[in-house]
Protein backbone atom coordinates (compact mmCIF):
# COMPACT_ATOMS: atom_id res chain seq x y z
CA UNK A 1 31.71 17.48 35.42
CA UNK A 2 31.11 14.72 32.86
CA UNK A 3 27.63 13.50 31.97
CA UNK A 4 28.36 10.16 33.62
CA UNK A 5 29.32 11.85 36.90
CA UNK A 6 26.29 14.15 36.74
CA UNK A 7 23.95 11.21 36.30
CA UNK A 8 25.70 9.33 39.11
CA UNK A 9 25.29 12.38 41.38
CA UNK A 10 21.58 12.61 40.58
CA UNK A 11 21.23 8.88 41.11
CA UNK A 12 22.74 9.14 44.59
CA UNK A 13 20.74 12.29 45.39
CA UNK A 14 17.40 10.63 44.62
CA UNK A 15 18.36 7.20 45.96
CA UNK A 16 15.50 5.75 47.98
CA UNK A 17 12.95 8.24 46.61
CA UNK A 18 10.11 7.72 44.15
CA UNK A 19 12.19 9.21 41.33
CA UNK A 20 15.12 6.82 41.81
CA UNK A 21 13.97 4.30 39.14
CA UNK A 22 13.84 7.04 36.49
CA UNK A 23 17.43 8.20 37.10
CA UNK A 24 18.67 4.61 37.38
CA UNK A 25 17.11 3.78 34.02
CA UNK A 26 18.79 6.72 32.25
CA UNK A 27 22.13 6.01 33.92
CA UNK A 28 22.21 2.28 33.09
CA UNK A 29 20.93 2.87 29.55
CA UNK A 30 23.91 5.10 28.73
CA UNK A 31 26.56 3.38 30.86
CA UNK A 32 27.29 -0.06 32.22
CA UNK A 33 26.06 -0.42 35.80
CA UNK A 34 28.83 -0.26 38.40
CA UNK A 35 27.15 -2.83 40.65
CA UNK A 36 27.49 -6.60 40.71
CA UNK A 37 25.42 -9.36 42.24
CA UNK A 38 26.21 -10.25 45.83
CA UNK A 39 24.76 -13.72 46.39
CA UNK A 40 24.29 -17.06 44.74
CA UNK A 41 25.92 -18.41 41.61
CA UNK A 42 25.68 -16.29 38.49
CA UNK A 43 27.03 -16.52 34.97
CA UNK A 44 29.54 -13.74 34.39
CA UNK A 45 28.92 -11.90 31.10
CA UNK A 46 29.56 -8.46 29.64
CA UNK A 47 25.97 -7.91 28.54
CA UNK A 48 22.72 -7.30 30.38
CA UNK A 49 19.07 -7.01 29.39
CA UNK A 50 19.46 -3.49 27.98
CA UNK A 51 22.37 -4.59 25.77
CA UNK A 52 20.39 -7.63 24.63
CA UNK A 53 17.47 -5.42 23.65
CA UNK A 54 19.82 -3.02 21.86
CA UNK A 55 21.12 -5.90 19.72
CA UNK A 56 17.57 -6.63 18.55
CA UNK A 57 17.11 -2.92 17.75
CA UNK A 58 20.30 -3.02 15.68
CA UNK A 59 18.81 -5.91 13.71
CA UNK A 60 15.64 -3.86 13.11
CA UNK A 61 17.32 -0.63 11.97
CA UNK A 62 17.97 -1.84 8.35
CA UNK A 63 14.26 -2.69 7.99
CA UNK A 64 13.34 0.74 9.38
CA UNK A 65 15.63 2.62 6.99
CA UNK A 66 14.53 0.53 4.03
CA UNK A 67 10.90 1.21 4.95
CA UNK A 68 11.55 4.95 4.78
CA UNK A 69 12.98 4.67 1.29
CA UNK A 70 10.20 2.31 0.21
CA UNK A 71 7.44 4.65 1.44
CA UNK A 72 8.77 7.38 -0.83
CA UNK A 73 9.30 4.94 -3.68
CA UNK A 74 5.71 3.64 -3.42
CA UNK A 75 4.49 7.24 -3.58
CA UNK A 76 6.33 7.80 -6.84
CA UNK A 77 5.29 4.38 -8.15
CA UNK A 78 1.63 5.25 -7.54
CA UNK A 79 1.94 8.64 -9.21
CA UNK A 80 4.35 7.89 -12.07
CA UNK A 81 4.06 4.12 -12.47
CA UNK A 82 6.05 1.21 -11.05
CA UNK A 83 9.52 0.62 -12.49
CA UNK A 84 10.08 -3.06 -13.21
CA UNK A 85 13.35 -4.95 -13.18
CA UNK A 86 15.17 -2.81 -10.61
CA UNK A 87 18.14 -4.20 -8.73
CA UNK A 88 18.60 -3.84 -4.99
CA UNK A 89 21.16 -1.08 -5.60
CA UNK A 90 19.03 0.91 -8.03
CA UNK A 91 19.52 4.67 -7.68
CA UNK A 92 15.84 5.16 -8.47
CA UNK A 93 15.03 3.57 -5.13
CA UNK A 94 17.91 4.81 -2.98
CA UNK A 95 17.51 8.54 -3.39
CA UNK A 96 17.13 11.34 -0.86
CA UNK A 97 13.65 12.38 -2.00
CA UNK A 98 12.24 8.92 -1.31
CA UNK A 99 13.89 8.88 2.10
CA UNK A 100 12.60 12.30 3.12
CA UNK A 101 9.02 11.41 2.14
CA UNK A 102 9.16 8.21 4.17
CA UNK A 103 10.99 9.71 7.15
CA UNK A 104 8.45 12.53 7.45
CA UNK A 105 5.69 9.98 7.94
CA UNK A 106 7.50 7.20 9.84
CA UNK A 107 9.61 9.12 12.36
CA UNK A 108 6.51 10.54 14.14
CA UNK A 109 5.33 6.94 14.62
CA UNK A 110 8.68 6.03 16.21
CA UNK A 111 8.63 9.11 18.45
CA UNK A 112 5.06 8.47 19.62
CA UNK A 113 5.73 4.77 20.17
CA UNK A 114 8.78 5.37 22.35
CA UNK A 115 7.51 8.54 24.03
CA UNK A 116 4.16 7.13 25.13
CA UNK A 117 5.40 3.60 25.84
CA UNK A 118 8.43 4.58 27.90
CA UNK A 119 6.35 7.23 29.66
CA UNK A 120 3.96 4.53 30.86
CA UNK A 121 6.91 2.32 31.85
CA UNK A 122 8.48 5.14 33.91
CA UNK A 123 5.12 5.95 35.51
CA UNK A 124 4.58 2.36 36.63
CA UNK A 125 8.16 2.13 37.90
CA UNK A 126 7.75 5.29 40.01
CA UNK A 127 4.33 4.28 41.36
CA UNK A 128 5.31 0.69 42.14
CA UNK A 129 8.84 1.53 43.29
CA UNK A 130 10.72 -0.89 41.04
CA UNK A 131 13.38 -0.37 38.38
CA UNK A 132 12.33 0.66 34.87
CA UNK A 133 12.08 -2.48 32.76
CA UNK A 134 13.93 -2.73 29.46
CA UNK A 135 11.45 -4.82 27.53
CA UNK A 136 9.84 -1.86 25.78
CA UNK A 137 13.08 -0.89 24.05
CA UNK A 138 12.36 -3.51 21.37
CA UNK A 139 8.57 -3.18 21.46
CA UNK A 140 8.89 0.55 20.83
CA UNK A 141 10.80 -0.14 17.62
CA UNK A 142 8.58 -3.01 16.49
CA UNK A 143 5.31 -1.09 16.74
CA UNK A 144 6.05 1.54 14.01
CA UNK A 145 7.18 -1.28 11.70
CA UNK A 146 3.94 -3.28 11.89
CA UNK A 147 1.23 -0.60 11.80
CA UNK A 148 -0.18 1.23 8.74
CA UNK A 149 1.99 4.19 7.87
CA UNK A 150 -0.98 6.58 7.86
CA UNK A 151 -2.44 5.57 11.22
CA UNK A 152 -3.51 8.63 13.28
CA UNK A 153 -1.03 9.39 16.04
CA UNK A 154 -3.77 9.60 18.69
CA UNK A 155 -4.91 6.11 17.72
CA UNK A 156 -1.37 4.77 18.02
CA UNK A 157 -1.02 6.46 21.43
CA UNK A 158 -4.17 4.77 22.76
CA UNK A 159 -3.02 1.40 21.45
CA UNK A 160 0.46 1.73 22.99
CA UNK A 161 -1.01 2.59 26.40
CA UNK A 162 -3.32 -0.42 26.15
CA UNK A 163 -0.50 -2.74 25.06
CA UNK A 164 1.88 -1.71 27.84
CA UNK A 165 -0.70 -1.67 30.64
CA UNK A 166 -2.95 -4.60 29.70
CA UNK A 167 -0.49 -6.62 27.67
CA UNK A 168 2.42 -6.45 30.12
CA UNK A 169 2.11 -4.50 33.36
CA UNK A 170 -0.99 -6.32 34.64
CA UNK A 171 0.96 -9.58 34.36
CA UNK A 172 3.87 -8.21 36.39
CA UNK A 173 6.00 -6.48 33.77
CA UNK A 174 8.83 -7.64 31.53
CA UNK A 175 9.38 -11.38 31.68
CA UNK A 176 5.91 -12.10 33.06
CA UNK A 177 3.66 -11.28 30.07
CA UNK A 178 2.06 -14.15 28.16
CA UNK A 179 1.46 -12.23 24.91
CA UNK A 180 3.91 -10.38 22.71
CA UNK A 181 3.38 -6.67 23.61
CA UNK A 182 3.89 -5.36 20.07
CA UNK A 183 1.35 -7.80 18.67
CA UNK A 184 -1.01 -7.00 21.53
CA UNK A 185 -0.87 -3.37 20.41
CA UNK A 186 -1.56 -4.33 16.82
CA UNK A 187 -4.37 -6.68 17.82
CA UNK A 188 -5.98 -3.86 19.80
CA UNK A 189 -5.84 -1.64 16.72
CA UNK A 190 -7.18 -4.44 14.53
CA UNK A 191 -10.25 -5.06 16.67
CA UNK A 192 -10.86 -1.50 17.89
CA UNK A 193 -10.30 0.30 14.57
CA UNK A 194 -10.84 -2.32 11.83
CA UNK A 195 -11.29 0.22 9.03
CA UNK A 196 -7.71 1.40 9.59
CA UNK A 197 -6.29 -2.10 10.01
CA UNK A 198 -7.97 -4.02 7.20
CA UNK A 199 -4.60 -5.30 6.08
CA UNK A 200 -5.04 -4.53 2.37
CA UNK A 201 -4.15 -0.86 2.07
CA UNK A 202 -0.92 1.11 1.99
CA UNK A 203 -0.45 4.86 2.28
CA UNK A 204 1.09 6.94 -0.47
CA UNK A 205 1.69 10.66 0.09
CA UNK A 206 1.83 13.84 -1.87
CA UNK A 207 -0.27 12.86 -4.87
CA UNK A 208 -1.97 16.25 -4.72
CA UNK A 209 1.18 17.83 -6.12
CA UNK A 210 0.95 15.75 -9.28
CA UNK A 211 -2.76 15.12 -9.71
CA UNK A 212 -4.20 18.25 -8.16
CA UNK A 213 -7.17 16.20 -6.98
CA UNK A 214 -6.34 14.14 -3.90
CA UNK A 215 -3.82 14.38 -1.12
CA UNK A 216 -3.16 10.65 -0.80
CA UNK A 217 -3.53 7.35 -2.63
CA UNK A 218 -4.33 4.04 -0.96
CA UNK A 219 -3.14 1.12 -3.06
CA UNK A 220 -3.65 -2.57 -2.40
CA UNK A 221 -0.89 -4.68 -0.95
CA UNK A 222 -0.02 -8.00 -2.59
CA UNK A 223 -2.14 -9.98 -0.14
CA UNK A 224 -5.09 -7.64 -0.56
CA UNK A 225 -4.87 -8.00 -4.32
CA UNK A 226 -4.59 -11.79 -4.25
CA UNK A 227 -7.45 -12.07 -1.76
CA UNK A 228 -9.66 -10.33 -4.32
CA UNK A 229 -8.64 -12.76 -7.04
CA UNK A 230 -6.35 -10.40 -8.95
CA UNK A 231 -3.14 -11.50 -10.65
CA UNK A 232 0.31 -10.94 -9.21
CA UNK A 233 1.88 -7.79 -10.69
CA UNK A 234 5.26 -7.97 -8.94
CA UNK A 235 8.19 -10.22 -9.80
CA UNK A 236 9.80 -12.62 -7.37
CA UNK A 237 12.85 -10.36 -7.08
CA UNK A 238 10.65 -7.33 -6.36
CA UNK A 239 9.03 -9.25 -3.49
CA UNK A 240 12.37 -10.55 -2.22
CA UNK A 241 14.12 -7.16 -2.32
CA UNK A 242 11.05 -5.36 -0.95
CA UNK A 243 9.96 -3.00 -3.75
CA UNK A 244 6.32 -3.67 -2.86
CA UNK A 245 3.65 -1.91 -0.79
CA UNK A 246 3.10 -3.02 2.79
CA UNK A 247 3.77 -2.15 6.40
CA UNK A 248 7.05 -0.34 7.06
CA UNK A 249 9.21 -3.24 8.18
CA UNK A 250 7.66 -6.23 6.44
CA UNK A 251 8.48 -5.73 2.77
CA UNK A 252 12.19 -6.60 2.36
CA UNK A 253 12.66 -10.34 2.87
CA UNK A 254 16.37 -9.87 2.09
CA UNK A 255 16.96 -7.49 5.00
CA UNK A 256 14.78 -9.61 7.30
CA UNK A 257 17.03 -12.59 6.50
CA UNK A 258 20.10 -10.49 7.27
CA UNK A 259 18.52 -9.55 10.62
CA UNK A 260 17.69 -13.21 11.27
CA UNK A 261 21.30 -14.29 10.71
CA UNK A 262 22.50 -11.49 12.99
CA UNK A 263 20.13 -12.55 15.79
CA UNK A 264 21.10 -16.20 15.42
CA UNK A 265 24.83 -15.36 15.37
CA UNK A 266 24.50 -13.26 18.54
CA UNK A 267 22.36 -16.04 20.11
CA UNK A 268 19.52 -13.60 20.76
CA UNK A 269 16.96 -15.14 18.40
CA UNK A 270 16.08 -18.82 18.10
CA UNK A 271 16.99 -20.33 14.74
CA UNK A 272 14.82 -23.34 15.60
CA UNK A 273 11.68 -21.19 15.77
CA UNK A 274 12.52 -19.29 12.57
CA UNK A 275 13.26 -22.44 10.58
CA UNK A 276 10.30 -24.42 11.89
CA UNK A 277 7.94 -21.48 11.17
CA UNK A 278 9.17 -21.43 7.57
CA UNK A 279 8.68 -25.21 7.31
CA UNK A 280 5.16 -24.92 8.72
CA UNK A 281 4.27 -22.21 6.19
CA UNK A 282 5.69 -24.25 3.31
CA UNK A 283 3.78 -27.34 4.46
CA UNK A 284 0.46 -25.48 4.58
CA UNK A 285 1.20 -23.84 1.22
CA UNK A 286 1.93 -27.23 -0.35
CA UNK A 287 -1.36 -28.60 0.97
CA UNK A 288 -3.30 -25.73 -0.58
CA UNK A 289 -1.41 -26.11 -3.88
CA UNK A 290 -2.27 -29.80 -3.83
CA UNK A 291 -5.95 -29.02 -3.32
CA UNK A 292 -5.85 -26.73 -6.37
CA UNK A 293 -3.90 -29.24 -8.50
CA UNK A 294 -6.44 -31.96 -7.70
CA UNK A 295 -9.26 -29.71 -8.84
CA UNK A 296 -11.02 -29.87 -5.48
CA UNK A 297 -11.76 -26.15 -5.52
CA UNK A 298 -13.31 -24.07 -8.31
CA UNK A 299 -11.60 -21.05 -9.81
CA UNK A 300 -14.63 -18.96 -8.92
CA UNK A 301 -14.04 -19.57 -5.21
CA UNK A 302 -12.85 -16.58 -3.18
CA UNK A 303 -10.11 -18.80 -1.74
CA UNK A 304 -8.73 -19.92 -5.10
CA UNK A 305 -6.25 -17.09 -5.72
CA UNK A 306 -4.34 -17.44 -2.43
CA UNK A 307 -4.61 -21.25 -2.53
CA UNK A 308 -3.07 -21.35 -6.00
CA UNK A 309 -0.22 -19.00 -5.05
CA UNK A 310 3.06 -20.96 -5.28
CA UNK A 311 3.71 -22.31 -1.78
CA UNK A 312 7.12 -20.67 -1.43
CA UNK A 313 5.73 -17.24 -2.36
CA UNK A 314 4.02 -17.15 1.03
CA UNK A 315 7.44 -16.61 2.61
CA UNK A 316 8.00 -13.46 0.52
CA UNK A 317 4.64 -11.70 0.72
CA UNK A 318 2.94 -10.05 3.68
CA UNK A 319 4.40 -9.89 7.16
CA UNK A 320 5.17 -13.58 7.61
CA UNK A 321 8.97 -13.32 7.45
CA UNK A 322 9.06 -10.29 9.76
CA UNK A 323 6.77 -11.92 12.32
CA UNK A 324 8.65 -15.22 12.29
CA UNK A 325 12.04 -13.55 12.82
CA UNK A 326 11.33 -10.68 15.20
CA UNK A 327 8.16 -11.56 17.12
CA UNK A 328 7.71 -15.32 17.15
CA UNK A 329 11.18 -15.57 18.70
CA UNK A 330 10.36 -13.34 21.68
CA UNK A 331 12.06 -15.31 24.51
CA UNK A 332 9.36 -14.37 27.05
CA UNK A 333 6.30 -15.52 25.11
CA UNK A 334 7.82 -18.35 23.01
CA UNK A 335 8.38 -21.97 24.01
CA UNK A 336 11.46 -22.54 26.14
CA UNK A 337 12.27 -26.21 25.50
CA UNK A 338 14.20 -27.26 22.39
CA UNK A 339 11.53 -29.65 21.14
CA UNK A 340 8.84 -27.16 22.11
CA UNK A 341 10.46 -24.51 19.90
CA UNK A 342 10.17 -26.77 16.85
CA UNK A 343 6.48 -27.47 17.57
CA UNK A 344 5.73 -23.85 18.44
CA UNK A 345 7.37 -22.44 15.32
CA UNK A 346 5.88 -25.03 12.97
CA UNK A 347 2.35 -24.35 14.20
CA UNK A 348 2.86 -20.59 13.79
CA UNK A 349 3.83 -21.06 10.15
CA UNK A 350 1.08 -23.61 9.52
CA UNK A 351 -1.67 -21.48 11.07
CA UNK A 352 -0.41 -18.24 9.48
CA UNK A 353 -1.01 -19.50 5.94
CA UNK A 354 -4.29 -21.14 6.92
CA UNK A 355 -5.65 -17.88 8.36
CA UNK A 356 -4.24 -15.94 5.40
CA UNK A 357 -6.20 -18.08 2.91
CA UNK A 358 -9.46 -18.57 4.80
CA UNK A 359 -9.84 -14.98 5.98
CA UNK A 360 -9.76 -12.87 2.80
CA UNK A 361 -11.16 -9.85 4.65
CA UNK A 362 -7.88 -9.73 6.57
CA UNK A 363 -5.36 -11.66 4.42
CA UNK A 364 -2.50 -11.60 6.92
CA UNK A 365 -2.54 -14.34 9.53
CA UNK A 366 0.87 -14.16 11.19
CA UNK A 367 -0.27 -11.77 13.95
CA UNK A 368 -3.17 -13.97 15.04
CA UNK A 369 -1.10 -17.15 14.68
CA UNK A 370 1.70 -15.85 16.93
CA UNK A 371 -0.72 -14.57 19.57
CA UNK A 372 -2.55 -17.90 19.58
CA UNK A 373 0.68 -19.87 19.99
CA UNK A 374 1.86 -17.44 22.71
CA UNK A 375 -1.09 -18.70 24.73
CA UNK A 376 -0.29 -22.36 24.03
CA UNK A 377 3.52 -22.10 24.46
CA UNK A 378 3.43 -23.00 28.20
CA UNK A 379 1.21 -26.00 27.41
CA UNK A 380 3.62 -27.20 24.72
CA UNK A 381 6.56 -26.92 27.14
CA UNK A 382 4.58 -28.71 29.86
CA UNK A 383 3.94 -31.77 27.70
CA UNK A 384 7.50 -31.79 26.36
CA UNK A 385 8.86 -31.80 29.93
CA UNK A 386 6.35 -34.42 31.06
CA UNK A 387 7.28 -36.57 28.07
CA UNK A 388 10.96 -36.38 29.07
CA UNK A 389 10.10 -37.28 32.66
CA UNK A 390 8.04 -40.25 31.53
CA UNK A 391 10.85 -41.57 29.29
CA UNK A 392 13.38 -41.24 32.13
CA UNK A 393 11.08 -43.09 34.49
CA UNK A 394 10.67 -45.88 31.94
CA UNK A 395 14.46 -46.16 31.52
CA UNK A 396 14.82 -46.29 35.30
CA UNK A 397 12.28 -49.12 35.50
CA UNK A 398 14.18 -51.09 32.86
CA UNK A 399 17.48 -50.68 34.72
CA UNK A 400 16.04 -51.72 38.09
CA UNK A 401 14.06 -54.66 36.68
């Protein structure tokens, strides 16, 4: 008997029982459902929510794989010195040793994220008697890409449980949450364990083998260095390709752009939100550069270094690009109207750079900016809709006058 037939048999055997949602979830994840809607008017399409989520995961996989190579590369860069002037296809970066070092540290994060998160989803589905929701398929991949690589697994487990239960299930599950679940998990870690989530450290492994003194090195990220007034040590191409320290998925702007184009082409991600977020970040960066050029801030100020950073560099450093592409565009928590998407995205970019500059203790503002705009997205849509209604009423008055 084939696997498909076995799963179908189990599905029928447990139909109507508490365990039915679990078998249904496994069956529909591996195979297209053999049921169709029976009432009302529906758009006929070959995809469903699981397939939509899988497309987003496909867009994230290049960032995940690159992060594994980069973790190993940053280890060797910390121990032996950074190699300048590398191309994206440099064999010094793309080698098996780098990959194995990174995979050994990152894969446990992925396993814990999916294991704990989906376990909570299955538990709620069985208790409440509804189908297992697919929303965590993407969240489970996002979480390992936005947390510190050396975060304790127990800490990540606690955060995932909090994010799924408090960030989503209490609101009614997938499609009902008001905050992005992955960012809710990261926000919980940020406020509950601030020493681990300061935003200016990156893990490097295995130094004990070379130095004989320590078993790890924590080096500053670009934002952490700039926030302390230090000079930029990486070239523009290094930042664009991703040969820099940082969270697993945030470093390679090139691969994030590739993922953005893929999401826009498949009509999964909103290009309006991505573009407007970039414009908002550039606008805020230009304002800060103007303040520096006018001499309105002294070089001794703790804000000077990030304010004087070329405005377009803000798109390449930190997690801004990753957040704008993969989390700001979450269709559940983002604005739904076309005009609202432009406003929503622009404010995310604008506030991200503002928080980044004015909060040097945590020089990465995209998480807080997206969560803040998640809360205001329904308000933005409300006023956009009301504005359209008002204009239509005015046109109607003119016609009937």
